[in-house]
């Protein structure tokens, strides 16, 4: 029978790594030690059902009201089955966010300047978050978890965001600028998750930060 690898088993391609900045060797080591699991098609189908139910449950009750048990009930599986694949609700929510982000096509580099390109990336991420405000709020809390699976996903999510930023900026922009923009993204996500900023405004606010850091005529 053909084996299907769980999405969380994909090895992160590190740029700056962490959600906000560089990954420490300790964090990377912990992420790398996450138990790897091969899923057969039936197991993969169960995981997909649980993930879809988790998103529906988030929309209905938010992060505080979500539990593995209620998600399992919505998915039509036993709680023990859900716990087989997801150690906690932090792990579950982080996995949902990672898959949604990973499946989102990257913005085509049609703009000429690094500034315009990175603004397009931030605008696209803002649209992504605004489409699922409950998920955007929940992942802010979920990614603070200390479980090994959450740490692994935190690295993968941070790497994907940082890669999108760096690819938009190109090789001529100093790494310090990429790091600063990554920190700005993490701060904007945290503020939105805490209710201190509207998700819809993230793109505009990050564009303002980018304009402060980047020359408008950079090649």
Protein backbone atom coordinates (compact mmCIF):
# COMPACT_ATOMS: atom_id res chain seq x y z
CA UNK A 1 0.00 0.00 0.00
CA UNK A 2 1.30 3.45 -0.91
CA UNK A 3 2.50 5.46 2.06
CA UNK A 4 1.59 9.12 2.47
CA UNK A 5 3.87 11.36 4.50
CA UNK A 6 2.22 13.69 7.01
CA UNK A 7 2.59 17.35 6.13
CA UNK A 8 4.43 18.09 9.34
CA UNK A 9 7.17 15.69 8.23
CA UNK A 10 8.39 18.08 5.55
CA UNK A 11 11.88 19.27 6.50
CA UNK A 12 12.06 23.04 6.94
CA UNK A 13 14.33 24.95 4.55
CA UNK A 14 15.74 27.46 6.98
CA UNK A 15 16.38 31.06 6.04
CA UNK A 16 16.04 32.88 9.33
CA UNK A 17 13.84 30.21 10.78
CA UNK A 18 11.82 31.31 13.78
CA UNK A 19 8.50 33.14 13.54
CA UNK A 20 10.24 36.40 14.36
CA UNK A 21 13.95 35.92 13.86
CA UNK A 22 16.74 33.35 13.91
CA UNK A 23 16.20 29.85 15.26
CA UNK A 24 18.47 28.78 18.07
CA UNK A 25 20.32 25.51 17.71
CA UNK A 26 18.37 24.17 20.68
CA UNK A 27 15.01 24.99 19.07
CA UNK A 28 16.08 23.51 15.75
CA UNK A 29 17.30 20.36 17.45
CA UNK A 30 13.99 19.98 19.30
CA UNK A 31 12.08 20.50 16.06
CA UNK A 32 14.18 17.93 14.28
CA UNK A 33 13.48 15.33 16.93
CA UNK A 34 9.73 15.38 16.39
CA UNK A 35 8.44 11.87 15.82
CA UNK A 36 8.14 11.25 12.08
CA UNK A 37 5.07 9.37 10.95
CA UNK A 38 4.10 7.72 7.69
CA UNK A 39 0.36 7.75 7.04
CA UNK A 40 -1.44 5.30 4.84
CA UNK A 41 -4.32 6.66 2.70
CA UNK A 42 -6.95 5.80 5.29
CA UNK A 43 -5.02 7.52 8.07
CA UNK A 44 -4.38 10.53 5.85
CA UNK A 45 -8.11 10.77 5.19
CA UNK A 46 -8.80 10.73 8.94
CA UNK A 47 -6.25 13.50 9.51
CA UNK A 48 -7.86 15.62 6.79
CA UNK A 49 -11.29 15.14 8.41
CA UNK A 50 -9.96 16.22 11.79
CA UNK A 51 -8.23 19.28 10.30
CA UNK A 52 -11.36 20.34 8.42
CA UNK A 53 -13.43 19.88 11.57
CA UNK A 54 -10.93 21.94 13.56
CA UNK A 55 -11.34 24.87 11.19
CA UNK A 56 -15.12 24.62 11.40
CA UNK A 57 -14.93 24.43 15.20
CA UNK A 58 -12.70 27.50 15.32
CA UNK A 59 -15.20 29.44 13.25
CA UNK A 60 -17.98 28.35 15.57
CA UNK A 61 -16.48 28.71 19.07
CA UNK A 62 -13.01 30.24 18.70
CA UNK A 63 -9.78 29.00 20.21
CA UNK A 64 -10.92 29.12 23.83
CA UNK A 65 -13.93 26.90 23.16
CA UNK A 66 -12.11 24.40 20.96
CA UNK A 67 -11.00 21.07 22.39
CA UNK A 68 -9.69 17.92 20.77
CA UNK A 69 -12.82 16.15 21.98
CA UNK A 70 -15.24 18.63 20.34
CA UNK A 71 -13.24 18.57 17.12
CA UNK A 72 -13.29 14.77 17.12
CA UNK A 73 -17.06 14.81 17.58
CA UNK A 74 -17.46 17.21 14.66
CA UNK A 75 -15.19 15.02 12.52
CA UNK A 76 -17.05 11.86 13.46
CA UNK A 77 -14.04 10.12 14.98
CA UNK A 78 -13.22 8.99 18.50
CA UNK A 79 -11.27 11.46 20.68
CA UNK A 80 -8.56 8.83 21.08
CA UNK A 81 -8.20 8.73 17.31
CA UNK A 82 -7.76 12.50 17.11
CA UNK A 83 -5.19 12.38 19.91
CA UNK A 84 -3.28 9.76 17.94
CA UNK A 85 -2.37 12.44 15.42
CA UNK A 86 -2.54 15.67 17.43
CA UNK A 87 -1.05 15.92 20.89
CA UNK A 88 -2.90 19.10 21.85
CA UNK A 89 -5.15 21.79 20.49
CA UNK A 90 -2.07 23.97 20.02
CA UNK A 91 -0.63 21.30 17.75
CA UNK A 92 -3.92 20.94 15.89
CA UNK A 93 -4.39 24.67 15.26
CA UNK A 94 -0.76 25.15 14.25
CA UNK A 95 -1.09 22.29 11.76
CA UNK A 96 -4.25 23.81 10.27
CA UNK A 97 -2.50 27.17 9.85
CA UNK A 98 0.63 25.59 8.36
CA UNK A 99 -1.31 23.66 5.77
CA UNK A 100 -3.39 26.66 4.74
CA UNK A 101 -0.26 28.78 4.41
CA UNK A 102 1.74 26.11 2.61
CA UNK A 103 -1.07 25.56 0.09
CA UNK A 104 -1.34 29.29 -0.70
CA UNK A 105 0.42 30.15 -3.98
CA UNK A 106 3.27 32.58 -3.66
CA UNK A 107 2.87 36.03 -5.13
CA UNK A 108 4.33 36.29 -8.63
CA UNK A 109 7.34 38.63 -8.74
CA UNK A 110 5.83 40.94 -11.36
CA UNK A 111 6.80 44.15 -9.57
CA UNK A 112 10.12 45.78 -10.45
CA UNK A 113 11.36 47.03 -7.09
CA UNK A 114 12.00 45.02 -3.91
CA UNK A 115 9.75 47.46 -2.04
CA UNK A 116 6.78 46.86 -4.35
CA UNK A 117 7.38 43.11 -4.33
CA UNK A 118 7.51 42.78 -0.54
CA UNK A 119 4.43 45.00 -0.17
CA UNK A 120 2.62 42.62 -2.53
CA UNK A 121 3.65 39.71 -0.27
CA UNK A 122 2.37 41.49 2.84
CA UNK A 123 -0.89 42.40 1.09
CA UNK A 124 -1.37 38.75 0.12
CA UNK A 125 -0.69 37.55 3.68
CA UNK A 126 -3.18 40.11 5.00
CA UNK A 127 -5.83 38.78 2.61
CA UNK A 128 -5.00 35.24 3.76
CA UNK A 129 -5.47 36.16 7.43
CA UNK A 130 -8.57 38.29 6.86
CA UNK A 131 -10.28 35.36 5.14
CA UNK A 132 -9.93 33.28 8.35
CA UNK A 133 -9.93 35.73 11.30
CA UNK A 134 -10.65 33.02 13.88
CA UNK A 135 -7.66 31.00 12.65
CA UNK A 136 -5.45 34.10 12.60
CA UNK A 137 -6.35 34.81 16.21
CA UNK A 138 -6.00 31.20 17.34
CA UNK A 139 -2.61 30.53 15.77
CA UNK A 140 -1.10 33.44 17.70
CA UNK A 141 -1.81 31.57 20.92
CA UNK A 142 -1.18 28.09 19.55
CA UNK A 143 2.34 28.88 18.36
CA UNK A 144 3.36 29.87 21.89
CA UNK A 145 3.01 26.22 22.91
CA UNK A 146 6.11 24.33 24.00
CA UNK A 147 5.13 20.91 22.65
CA UNK A 148 7.73 19.44 20.25
CA UNK A 149 5.20 19.25 17.40
CA UNK A 150 4.31 22.93 17.88
CA UNK A 151 7.98 23.89 17.96
CA UNK A 152 8.51 22.02 14.69
CA UNK A 153 5.56 23.74 13.03
CA UNK A 154 6.64 27.11 14.39
CA UNK A 155 9.95 26.70 12.57
CA UNK A 156 8.21 25.62 9.36
CA UNK A 157 5.74 28.52 9.43
CA UNK A 158 8.44 31.05 10.23
CA UNK A 159 10.65 29.69 7.48
CA UNK A 160 7.86 29.91 4.91
CA UNK A 161 7.06 33.52 5.82
CA UNK A 162 10.71 34.52 5.84
CA UNK A 163 11.33 32.79 2.51
CA UNK A 164 8.47 34.71 0.93
CA UNK A 165 9.88 37.97 2.25
CA UNK A 166 13.44 37.20 1.17
CA UNK A 167 12.42 35.98 -2.27
CA UNK A 168 10.49 39.21 -2.81
CA UNK A 169 13.41 41.38 -1.72
CA UNK A 170 16.06 39.58 -3.73
CA UNK A 171 19.76 38.97 -2.98
CA UNK A 172 20.88 42.60 -2.84
CA UNK A 173 18.92 43.61 0.26
CA UNK A 174 20.85 43.24 3.56
CA UNK A 175 19.80 40.36 5.81
CA UNK A 176 19.21 42.85 8.61
CA UNK A 177 16.35 44.35 6.58
CA UNK A 178 14.83 40.91 5.98
CA UNK A 179 15.09 40.19 9.70
CA UNK A 180 13.48 43.52 10.60
CA UNK A 181 10.56 42.87 8.25
CA UNK A 182 10.15 39.38 9.69
CA UNK A 183 9.99 40.88 13.17
CA UNK A 184 7.43 43.40 11.93
CA UNK A 185 5.31 40.57 10.53
CA UNK A 186 5.47 38.64 13.82
CA UNK A 187 4.48 41.76 15.75
CA UNK A 188 1.59 42.51 13.41
CA UNK A 189 0.30 38.94 13.70
CA UNK A 190 0.54 39.10 17.50
CA UNK A 191 -1.30 42.43 17.67
CA UNK A 192 -4.06 41.13 15.41
CA UNK A 193 -4.33 37.92 17.42
CA UNK A 194 -4.65 39.88 20.66
CA UNK A 195 -7.33 42.11 19.17
CA UNK A 196 -5.18 45.26 19.24
CA UNK A 197 -5.24 45.65 15.45
CA UNK A 198 -7.59 44.71 12.65
CA UNK A 199 -6.41 41.80 10.54
CA UNK A 200 -7.44 43.71 7.42
CA UNK A 201 -4.99 46.50 8.31
CA UNK A 202 -1.91 44.29 8.59
CA UNK A 203 -0.90 44.72 4.96
CA UNK A 204 -1.11 48.52 5.10
CA UNK A 205 0.83 48.74 8.35
CA UNK A 206 3.56 46.39 7.14
CA UNK A 207 3.84 48.37 3.91
CA UNK A 208 4.55 51.46 6.00
CA UNK A 209 7.35 49.62 7.79
CA UNK A 210 8.77 48.42 4.47
CA UNK A 211 8.84 52.00 3.14
CA UNK A 212 10.87 53.09 6.15
CA UNK A 213 13.44 50.34 5.61
CA UNK A 214 13.73 50.19 1.82
CA UNK A 215 14.65 52.80 -0.75
CA UNK A 216 11.96 53.29 -3.37
CA UNK A 217 14.48 53.07 -6.19
CA UNK A 218 16.28 49.87 -5.09
CA UNK A 219 16.87 47.51 -8.06
